[in-house]
Amino acid sequence: HPDAGGFKVAPGAHMSIPLDIMSVAEGYVGAETFATVHPRNNGKLVADRMKLQARSERCRYIFFASPAFPSSMRLPDFEVEGVQVWSIDV
């Protein structure tokens, strides 16, 4: 996203921005991140999708790391309208 103006990254509930990743250009990119055994565990994926659906950023993402998805890829079956979901190979 070259028009994002860079990114603010603050993973963790103790940080002071509304999302884990936000573009410096307001309203452009917003993302949530998490690590899990499986993305359907503990309702985290559902909660993050709902959170991002309610946001107005033009580009919205969920990135997660899980041994159940050992490569980086987009997962359309986990998506809702307006929110892309990606597994990240770590």
PDB file of N, CA and C in Angstrom:
ATOM      1  N   HIS A   1       0.825  -1.182   0.000  1.00  0.00           N
ATOM      2  CA  HIS A   1       0.000   0.000   0.000  1.00  0.00           C
ATOM      3  C   HIS A   1       0.874   1.252   0.000  1.00  0.00           C
ATOM      4  N   PRO A   2       1.375   1.661  -1.144  1.00  0.00           N
ATOM      5  CA  PRO A   2       2.268   2.820  -1.197  1.00  0.00           C
ATOM      6  C   PRO A   2       1.610   4.128  -0.746  1.00  0.00           C
ATOM      7  N   ASP A   3       0.296   4.210  -0.785  1.00  0.00           N
ATOM      8  CA  ASP A   3      -0.393   5.435  -0.370  1.00  0.00           C
ATOM      9  C   ASP A   3      -0.692   5.475   1.126  1.00  0.00           C
ATOM     10  N   ALA A   4      -0.258   4.460   1.865  1.00  0.00           N
ATOM     11  CA  ALA A   4      -0.567   4.384   3.294  1.00  0.00           C
ATOM     12  C   ALA A   4       0.238   5.367   4.131  1.00  0.00           C
ATOM     13  N   GLY A   5       1.340   5.868   3.603  1.00  0.00           N
ATOM     14  CA  GLY A   5       2.167   6.807   4.363  1.00  0.00           C
ATOM     15  C   GLY A   5       2.960   6.152   5.480  1.00  0.00           C
ATOM     16  N   GLY A   6       3.111   4.843   5.408  1.00  0.00           N
ATOM     17  CA  GLY A   6       3.767   4.091   6.476  1.00  0.00           C
ATOM     18  C   GLY A   6       2.715   3.480   7.388  1.00  0.00           C
ATOM     19  N   PHE A   7       3.181   2.793   8.426  1.00  0.00           N
ATOM     20  CA  PHE A   7       2.260   2.082   9.310  1.00  0.00           C
ATOM     21  C   PHE A   7       2.623   2.283  10.772  1.00  0.00           C
ATOM     22  N   LYS A   8       1.590   2.321  11.605  1.00  0.00           N
ATOM     23  CA  LYS A   8       1.747   2.287  13.052  1.00  0.00           C
ATOM     24  C   LYS A   8       1.438   0.852  13.465  1.00  0.00           C
ATOM     25  N   VAL A   9       2.336   0.247  14.234  1.00  0.00           N
ATOM     26  CA  VAL A   9       2.165  -1.140  14.654  1.00  0.00           C
ATOM     27  C   VAL A   9       2.154  -1.179  16.174  1.00  0.00           C
ATOM     28  N   ALA A  10       1.064  -1.739  16.723  1.00  0.00           N
ATOM     29  CA  ALA A  10       0.933  -1.801  18.179  1.00  0.00           C
ATOM     30  C   ALA A  10       0.179  -3.046  18.593  1.00  0.00           C
ATOM     31  N   PRO A  11       0.731  -4.241  18.318  1.00  0.00           N
ATOM     32  CA  PRO A  11       0.022  -5.452  18.728  1.00  0.00           C
ATOM     33  C   PRO A  11      -0.042  -5.569  20.244  1.00  0.00           C
ATOM     34  N   GLY A  12      -1.171  -5.971  20.738  1.00  0.00           N
ATOM     35  CA  GLY A  12      -1.343  -6.159  22.171  1.00  0.00           C
ATOM     36  C   GLY A  12      -2.339  -5.181  22.753  1.00  0.00           C
ATOM     37  N   ALA A  13      -3.113  -5.654  23.698  1.00  0.00           N
ATOM     38  CA  ALA A  13      -4.184  -4.851  24.291  1.00  0.00           C
ATOM     39  C   ALA A  13      -3.658  -3.645  25.052  1.00  0.00           C
ATOM     40  N   HIS A  14      -2.401  -3.662  25.461  1.00  0.00           N
ATOM     41  CA  HIS A  14      -1.854  -2.563  26.251  1.00  0.00           C
ATOM     42  C   HIS A  14      -1.417  -1.370  25.398  1.00  0.00           C
ATOM     43  N   MET A  15      -1.461  -1.489  24.095  1.00  0.00           N
ATOM     44  CA  MET A  15      -1.002  -0.421  23.210  1.00  0.00           C
ATOM     45  C   MET A  15      -2.106   0.616  23.013  1.00  0.00           C
ATOM     46  N   SER A  16      -1.754   1.768  22.438  1.00  0.00           N
ATOM     47  CA  SER A  16      -2.669   2.899  22.454  1.00  0.00           C
ATOM     48  C   SER A  16      -3.327   3.251  21.118  1.00  0.00           C
ATOM     49  N   ILE A  17      -3.346   2.345  20.156  1.00  0.00           N
ATOM     50  CA  ILE A  17      -4.084   2.623  18.927  1.00  0.00           C
ATOM     51  C   ILE A  17      -5.217   1.608  18.801  1.00  0.00           C
ATOM     52  N   PRO A  18      -6.272   1.956  18.070  1.00  0.00           N
ATOM     53  CA  PRO A  18      -7.466   1.098  18.023  1.00  0.00           C
ATOM     54  C   PRO A  18      -7.264  -0.287  17.396  1.00  0.00           C
ATOM     55  N   LEU A  19      -6.327  -0.405  16.449  1.00  0.00           N
ATOM     56  CA  LEU A  19      -6.061  -1.683  15.778  1.00  0.00           C
ATOM     57  C   LEU A  19      -4.584  -2.033  15.915  1.00  0.00           C
ATOM     58  N   ASP A  20      -4.245  -3.288  15.673  1.00  0.00           N
ATOM     59  CA  ASP A  20      -2.852  -3.730  15.774  1.00  0.00           C
ATOM     60  C   ASP A  20      -1.954  -3.057  14.748  1.00  0.00           C
ATOM     61  N   ILE A  21      -2.473  -2.844  13.542  1.00  0.00           N
ATOM     62  CA  ILE A  21      -1.729  -2.176  12.466  1.00  0.00           C
ATOM     63  C   ILE A  21      -2.661  -1.137  11.844  1.00  0.00           C
ATOM     64  N   MET A  22      -2.165   0.082  11.704  1.00  0.00           N
ATOM     65  CA  MET A  22      -2.949   1.151  11.081  1.00  0.00           C
ATOM     66  C   MET A  22      -2.037   1.970  10.176  1.00  0.00           C
ATOM     67  N   SER A  23      -2.563   2.381   9.039  1.00  0.00           N
ATOM     68  CA  SER A  23      -1.782   3.239   8.153  1.00  0.00           C
ATOM     69  C   SER A  23      -1.648   4.623   8.777  1.00  0.00           C
ATOM     70  N   VAL A  24      -0.536   5.279   8.463  1.00  0.00           N
ATOM     71  CA  VAL A  24      -0.354   6.662   8.894  1.00  0.00           C
ATOM     72  C   VAL A  24      -1.408   7.527   8.207  1.00  0.00           C
ATOM     73  N   ALA A  25      -1.677   7.258   6.935  1.00  0.00           N
ATOM     74  CA  ALA A  25      -2.754   7.949   6.220  1.00  0.00           C
ATOM     75  C   ALA A  25      -4.080   7.462   6.811  1.00  0.00           C
ATOM     76  N   GLU A  26      -4.774   8.348   7.466  1.00  0.00           N
ATOM     77  CA  GLU A  26      -5.991   7.981   8.181  1.00  0.00           C
ATOM     78  C   GLU A  26      -7.051   7.371   7.256  1.00  0.00           C
ATOM     79  N   GLY A  27      -7.644   6.271   7.730  1.00  0.00           N
ATOM     80  CA  GLY A  27      -8.739   5.639   7.007  1.00  0.00           C
ATOM     81  C   GLY A  27      -8.339   4.773   5.833  1.00  0.00           C
ATOM     82  N   TYR A  28      -7.048   4.485   5.683  1.00  0.00           N
ATOM     83  CA  TYR A  28      -6.615   3.720   4.514  1.00  0.00           C
ATOM     84  C   TYR A  28      -6.466   2.226   4.810  1.00  0.00           C
ATOM     85  N   VAL A  29      -5.629   1.840   5.788  1.00  0.00           N
ATOM     86  CA  VAL A  29      -5.401   0.431   6.112  1.00  0.00           C
ATOM     87  C   VAL A  29      -5.600   0.210   7.608  1.00  0.00           C
ATOM     88  N   GLY A  30      -6.286  -0.888   7.952  1.00  0.00           N
ATOM     89  CA  GLY A  30      -6.419  -1.321   9.336  1.00  0.00           C
ATOM     90  C   GLY A  30      -6.329  -2.829   9.397  1.00  0.00           C
ATOM     91  N   ALA A  31      -5.650  -3.351  10.414  1.00  0.00           N
ATOM     92  CA  ALA A  31      -5.490  -4.804  10.519  1.00  0.00           C
ATOM     93  C   ALA A  31      -5.419  -5.243  11.971  1.00  0.00           C
ATOM     94  N   GLU A  32      -5.852  -6.470  12.200  1.00  0.00           N
ATOM     95  CA  GLU A  32      -5.710  -7.147  13.483  1.00  0.00           C
ATOM     96  C   GLU A  32      -4.803  -8.353  13.270  1.00  0.00           C
ATOM     97  N   THR A  33      -4.077  -8.750  14.315  1.00  0.00           N
ATOM     98  CA  THR A  33      -3.144  -9.873  14.234  1.00  0.00           C
ATOM     99  C   THR A  33      -3.308 -10.767  15.453  1.00  0.00           C
ATOM    100  N   PHE A  34      -3.016 -12.055  15.272  1.00  0.00           N
ATOM    101  CA  PHE A  34      -2.999 -12.967  16.415  1.00  0.00           C
ATOM    102  C   PHE A  34      -2.283 -14.260  16.053  1.00  0.00           C
ATOM    103  N   ALA A  35      -1.877 -14.980  17.081  1.00  0.00           N
ATOM    104  CA  ALA A  35      -1.287 -16.309  16.925  1.00  0.00           C
ATOM    105  C   ALA A  35      -2.195 -17.293  17.645  1.00  0.00           C
ATOM    106  N   THR A  36      -2.327 -18.497  17.066  1.00  0.00           N
ATOM    107  CA  THR A  36      -3.268 -19.471  17.606  1.00  0.00           C
ATOM    108  C   THR A  36      -2.919 -20.873  17.138  1.00  0.00           C
ATOM    109  N   VAL A  37      -3.437 -21.863  17.809  1.00  0.00           N
ATOM    110  CA  VAL A  37      -3.309 -23.241  17.338  1.00  0.00           C
ATOM    111  C   VAL A  37      -4.143 -23.401  16.069  1.00  0.00           C
ATOM    112  N   HIS A  38      -5.367 -22.879  16.089  1.00  0.00           N
ATOM    113  CA  HIS A  38      -6.251 -22.878  14.915  1.00  0.00           C
ATOM    114  C   HIS A  38      -7.064 -21.591  14.948  1.00  0.00           C
ATOM    115  N   PRO A  39      -7.259 -20.916  13.812  1.00  0.00           N
ATOM    116  CA  PRO A  39      -7.929 -19.614  13.816  1.00  0.00           C
ATOM    117  C   PRO A  39      -9.377 -19.630  14.314  1.00  0.00           C
ATOM    118  N   ARG A  40     -10.011 -20.773  14.344  1.00  0.00           N
ATOM    119  CA  ARG A  40     -11.386 -20.836  14.850  1.00  0.00           C
ATOM    120  C   ARG A  40     -11.441 -21.019  16.378  1.00  0.00           C
ATOM    121  N   ASN A  41     -10.285 -21.249  17.017  1.00  0.00           N
ATOM    122  CA  ASN A  41     -10.236 -21.409  18.479  1.00  0.00           C
ATOM    123  C   ASN A  41     -10.564 -20.092  19.190  1.00  0.00           C
ATOM    124  N   ASN A  42     -11.247 -20.177  20.296  1.00  0.00           N
ATOM    125  CA  ASN A  42     -11.460 -19.063  21.223  1.00  0.00           C
ATOM    126  C   ASN A  42     -12.221 -17.869  20.651  1.00  0.00           C
ATOM    127  N   GLY A  43     -12.792 -17.980  19.468  1.00  0.00           N
ATOM    128  CA  GLY A  43     -13.602 -16.903  18.916  1.00  0.00           C
ATOM    129  C   GLY A  43     -12.824 -15.673  18.480  1.00  0.00           C
ATOM    130  N   LYS A  44     -11.490 -15.748  18.451  1.00  0.00           N
ATOM    131  CA  LYS A  44     -10.679 -14.578  18.085  1.00  0.00           C
ATOM    132  C   LYS A  44     -10.916 -14.144  16.646  1.00  0.00           C
ATOM    133  N   LEU A  45     -10.986 -15.080  15.722  1.00  0.00           N
ATOM    134  CA  LEU A  45     -11.226 -14.733  14.327  1.00  0.00           C
ATOM    135  C   LEU A  45     -12.581 -14.048  14.164  1.00  0.00           C
ATOM    136  N   VAL A  46     -13.610 -14.594  14.778  1.00  0.00           N
ATOM    137  CA  VAL A  46     -14.954 -14.014  14.694  1.00  0.00           C
ATOM    138  C   VAL A  46     -14.963 -12.608  15.287  1.00  0.00           C
ATOM    139  N   ALA A  47     -14.341 -12.445  16.441  1.00  0.00           N
ATOM    140  CA  ALA A  47     -14.307 -11.130  17.095  1.00  0.00           C
ATOM    141  C   ALA A  47     -13.563 -10.102  16.242  1.00  0.00           C
ATOM    142  N   ASP A  48     -12.433 -10.510  15.670  1.00  0.00           N
ATOM    143  CA  ASP A  48     -11.670  -9.580  14.834  1.00  0.00           C
ATOM    144  C   ASP A  48     -12.421  -9.238  13.550  1.00  0.00           C
ATOM    145  N   ARG A  49     -13.094 -10.207  12.959  1.00  0.00           N
ATOM    146  CA  ARG A  49     -13.900  -9.905  11.757  1.00  0.00           C
ATOM    147  C   ARG A  49     -14.983  -8.886  12.078  1.00  0.00           C
ATOM    148  N   MET A  50     -15.684  -9.086  13.188  1.00  0.00           N
ATOM    149  CA  MET A  50     -16.745  -8.153  13.583  1.00  0.00           C
ATOM    150  C   MET A  50     -16.165  -6.757  13.841  1.00  0.00           C
ATOM    151  N   LYS A  51     -15.042  -6.710  14.535  1.00  0.00           N
ATOM    152  CA  LYS A  51     -14.398  -5.431  14.827  1.00  0.00           C
ATOM    153  C   LYS A  51     -14.042  -4.693  13.542  1.00  0.00           C
ATOM    154  N   LEU A  52     -13.438  -5.418  12.590  1.00  0.00           N
ATOM    155  CA  LEU A  52     -13.014  -4.781  11.351  1.00  0.00           C
ATOM    156  C   LEU A  52     -14.194  -4.444  10.431  1.00  0.00           C
ATOM    157  N   GLN A  53     -15.243  -5.253  10.454  1.00  0.00           N
ATOM    158  CA  GLN A  53     -16.420  -4.928   9.642  1.00  0.00           C
ATOM    159  C   GLN A  53     -17.031  -3.600  10.066  1.00  0.00           C
ATOM    160  N   ALA A  54     -16.917  -3.271  11.321  1.00  0.00           N
ATOM    161  CA  ALA A  54     -17.490  -2.026  11.837  1.00  0.00           C
ATOM    162  C   ALA A  54     -16.591  -0.818  11.577  1.00  0.00           C
ATOM    163  N   ARG A  55     -15.411  -1.032  11.072  1.00  0.00           N
ATOM    164  CA  ARG A  55     -14.459   0.046  10.818  1.00  0.00           C
ATOM    165  C   ARG A  55     -14.625   0.577   9.398  1.00  0.00           C
ATOM    166  N   SER A  56     -14.085   1.767   9.166  1.00  0.00           N
ATOM    167  CA  SER A  56     -14.262   2.406   7.858  1.00  0.00           C
ATOM    168  C   SER A  56     -13.007   2.427   7.000  1.00  0.00           C
ATOM    169  N   GLU A  57     -11.912   1.806   7.443  1.00  0.00           N
ATOM    170  CA  GLU A  57     -10.707   1.789   6.614  1.00  0.00           C
ATOM    171  C   GLU A  57     -11.011   1.164   5.254  1.00  0.00           C
ATOM    172  N   ARG A  58     -10.392   1.709   4.246  1.00  0.00           N
ATOM    173  CA  ARG A  58     -10.616   1.216   2.885  1.00  0.00           C
ATOM    174  C   ARG A  58     -10.093  -0.215   2.714  1.00  0.00           C
ATOM    175  N   CYS A  59      -8.977  -0.533   3.343  1.00  0.00           N
ATOM    176  CA  CYS A  59      -8.373  -1.863   3.252  1.00  0.00           C
ATOM    177  C   CYS A  59      -8.280  -2.444   4.660  1.00  0.00           C
ATOM    178  N   ARG A  60      -8.945  -3.590   4.879  1.00  0.00           N
ATOM    179  CA  ARG A  60      -8.997  -4.200   6.212  1.00  0.00           C
ATOM    180  C   ARG A  60      -8.535  -5.650   6.135  1.00  0.00           C
ATOM    181  N   TYR A  61      -7.681  -6.024   7.099  1.00  0.00           N
ATOM    182  CA  TYR A  61      -7.058  -7.344   7.084  1.00  0.00           C
ATOM    183  C   TYR A  61      -7.043  -7.972   8.472  1.00  0.00           C
ATOM    184  N   ILE A  62      -7.002  -9.302   8.461  1.00  0.00           N
ATOM    185  CA  ILE A  62      -6.654 -10.083   9.645  1.00  0.00           C
ATOM    186  C   ILE A  62      -5.477 -10.954   9.233  1.00  0.00           C
ATOM    187  N   PHE A  63      -4.401 -10.903  10.028  1.00  0.00           N
ATOM    188  CA  PHE A  63      -3.228 -11.738   9.820  1.00  0.00           C
ATOM    189  C   PHE A  63      -3.071 -12.628  11.043  1.00  0.00           C
ATOM    190  N   PHE A  64      -2.861 -13.928  10.817  1.00  0.00           N
ATOM    191  CA  PHE A  64      -2.656 -14.827  11.953  1.00  0.00           C
ATOM    192  C   PHE A  64      -1.568 -15.832  11.642  1.00  0.00           C
ATOM    193  N   ALA A  65      -0.932 -16.314  12.699  1.00  0.00           N
ATOM    194  CA  ALA A  65       0.055 -17.382  12.590  1.00  0.00           C
ATOM    195  C   ALA A  65      -0.520 -18.603  13.296  1.00  0.00           C
ATOM    196  N   SER A  66      -0.449 -19.763  12.623  1.00  0.00           N
ATOM    197  CA  SER A  66      -0.981 -20.994  13.179  1.00  0.00           C
ATOM    198  C   SER A  66      -0.265 -22.192  12.570  1.00  0.00           C
ATOM    199  N   PRO A  67       0.070 -23.184  13.387  1.00  0.00           N
ATOM    200  CA  PRO A  67       0.669 -24.392  12.818  1.00  0.00           C
ATOM    201  C   PRO A  67      -0.292 -25.135  11.891  1.00  0.00           C
ATOM    202  N   ALA A  68      -1.584 -24.878  12.006  1.00  0.00           N
ATOM    203  CA  ALA A  68      -2.560 -25.514  11.119  1.00  0.00           C
ATOM    204  C   ALA A  68      -2.504 -24.941   9.703  1.00  0.00           C
ATOM    205  N   PHE A  69      -1.882 -23.768   9.544  1.00  0.00           N
ATOM    206  CA  PHE A  69      -1.737 -23.107   8.237  1.00  0.00           C
ATOM    207  C   PHE A  69      -0.287 -22.651   8.117  1.00  0.00           C
ATOM    208  N   PRO A  70       0.631 -23.571   7.752  1.00  0.00           N
ATOM    209  CA  PRO A  70       2.061 -23.290   7.827  1.00  0.00           C
ATOM    210  C   PRO A  70       2.636 -22.439   6.693  1.00  0.00           C
ATOM    211  N   SER A  71       1.811 -21.923   5.794  1.00  0.00           N
ATOM    212  CA  SER A  71       2.345 -21.064   4.742  1.00  0.00           C
ATOM    213  C   SER A  71       1.551 -19.763   4.685  1.00  0.00           C
ATOM    214  N   SER A  72       2.156 -18.756   4.083  1.00  0.00           N
ATOM    215  CA  SER A  72       1.490 -17.470   3.933  1.00  0.00           C
ATOM    216  C   SER A  72       0.541 -17.546   2.748  1.00  0.00           C
ATOM    217  N   MET A  73      -0.738 -17.337   3.038  1.00  0.00           N
ATOM    218  CA  MET A  73      -1.731 -17.367   1.964  1.00  0.00           C
ATOM    219  C   MET A  73      -3.022 -16.690   2.409  1.00  0.00           C
ATOM    220  N   ARG A  74      -3.740 -16.203   1.417  1.00  0.00           N
ATOM    221  CA  ARG A  74      -5.057 -15.628   1.686  1.00  0.00           C
ATOM    222  C   ARG A  74      -6.056 -16.766   1.855  1.00  0.00           C
ATOM    223  N   LEU A  75      -7.000 -16.595   2.797  1.00  0.00           N
ATOM    224  CA  LEU A  75      -7.976 -17.637   3.113  1.00  0.00           C
ATOM    225  C   LEU A  75      -9.401 -17.106   2.932  1.00  0.00           C
ATOM    226  N   PRO A  76      -9.891 -17.064   1.698  1.00  0.00           N
ATOM    227  CA  PRO A  76     -11.224 -16.519   1.422  1.00  0.00           C
ATOM    228  C   PRO A  76     -12.354 -17.208   2.188  1.00  0.00           C
ATOM    229  N   ASP A  77     -12.198 -18.480   2.529  1.00  0.00           N
ATOM    230  CA  ASP A  77     -13.255 -19.186   3.265  1.00  0.00           C
ATOM    231  C   ASP A  77     -13.458 -18.623   4.673  1.00  0.00           C
ATOM    232  N   PHE A  78     -12.477 -17.899   5.199  1.00  0.00           N
ATOM    233  CA  PHE A  78     -12.572 -17.304   6.534  1.00  0.00           C
ATOM    234  C   PHE A  78     -12.992 -15.830   6.485  1.00  0.00           C
ATOM    235  N   GLU A  79     -13.161 -15.289   5.297  1.00  0.00           N
ATOM    236  CA  GLU A  79     -13.413 -13.863   5.145  1.00  0.00           C
ATOM    237  C   GLU A  79     -14.884 -13.499   5.244  1.00  0.00           C
ATOM    238  N   VAL A  80     -15.116 -12.240   5.557  1.00  0.00           N
ATOM    239  CA  VAL A  80     -16.430 -11.617   5.465  1.00  0.00           C
ATOM    240  C   VAL A  80     -16.256 -10.411   4.546  1.00  0.00           C
ATOM    241  N   GLU A  81     -17.333  -9.889   4.066  1.00  0.00           N
ATOM    242  CA  GLU A  81     -17.259  -8.783   3.111  1.00  0.00           C
ATOM    243  C   GLU A  81     -16.415  -7.628   3.658  1.00  0.00           C
ATOM    244  N   GLY A  82     -15.436  -7.247   2.870  1.00  0.00           N
ATOM    245  CA  GLY A  82     -14.599  -6.106   3.223  1.00  0.00           C
ATOM    246  C   GLY A  82     -13.400  -6.418   4.091  1.00  0.00           C
ATOM    247  N   VAL A  83     -13.236  -7.671   4.520  1.00  0.00           N
ATOM    248  CA  VAL A  83     -12.124  -8.032   5.408  1.00  0.00           C
ATOM    249  C   VAL A  83     -11.400  -9.249   4.845  1.00  0.00           C
ATOM    250  N   GLN A  84     -10.145  -9.063   4.450  1.00  0.00           N
ATOM    251  CA  GLN A  84      -9.331 -10.182   3.980  1.00  0.00           C
ATOM    252  C   GLN A  84      -8.682 -10.879   5.166  1.00  0.00           C
ATOM    253  N   VAL A  85      -8.546 -12.200   5.068  1.00  0.00           N
ATOM    254  CA  VAL A  85      -7.896 -12.994   6.111  1.00  0.00           C
ATOM    255  C   VAL A  85      -6.693 -13.705   5.496  1.00  0.00           C
ATOM    256  N   TRP A  86      -5.545 -13.570   6.169  1.00  0.00           N
ATOM    257  CA  TRP A  86      -4.296 -14.160   5.693  1.00  0.00           C
ATOM    258  C   TRP A  86      -3.617 -14.960   6.793  1.00  0.00           C
ATOM    259  N   SER A  87      -3.115 -16.141   6.429  1.00  0.00           N
ATOM    260  CA  SER A  87      -2.207 -16.868   7.319  1.00  0.00           C
ATOM    261  C   SER A  87      -0.798 -16.374   7.004  1.00  0.00           C
ATOM    262  N   ILE A  88       0.051 -16.330   8.021  1.00  0.00           N
ATOM    263  CA  ILE A  88       1.414 -15.845   7.863  1.00  0.00           C
ATOM    264  C   ILE A  88       2.385 -16.929   8.307  1.00  0.00           C
ATOM    265  N   ASP A  89       3.291 -17.280   7.434  1.00  0.00           N
ATOM    266  CA  ASP A  89       4.315 -18.265   7.752  1.00  0.00           C
ATOM    267  C   ASP A  89       5.366 -17.607   8.640  1.00  0.00           C
ATOM    268  N   VAL A  90       5.529 -18.156   9.818  1.00  0.00           N
ATOM    269  CA  VAL A  90       6.571 -17.629  10.706  1.00  0.00           C
ATOM    270  C   VAL A  90       7.597 -18.689  10.887  1.00  0.00           C
TER     271      VAL A  90
END
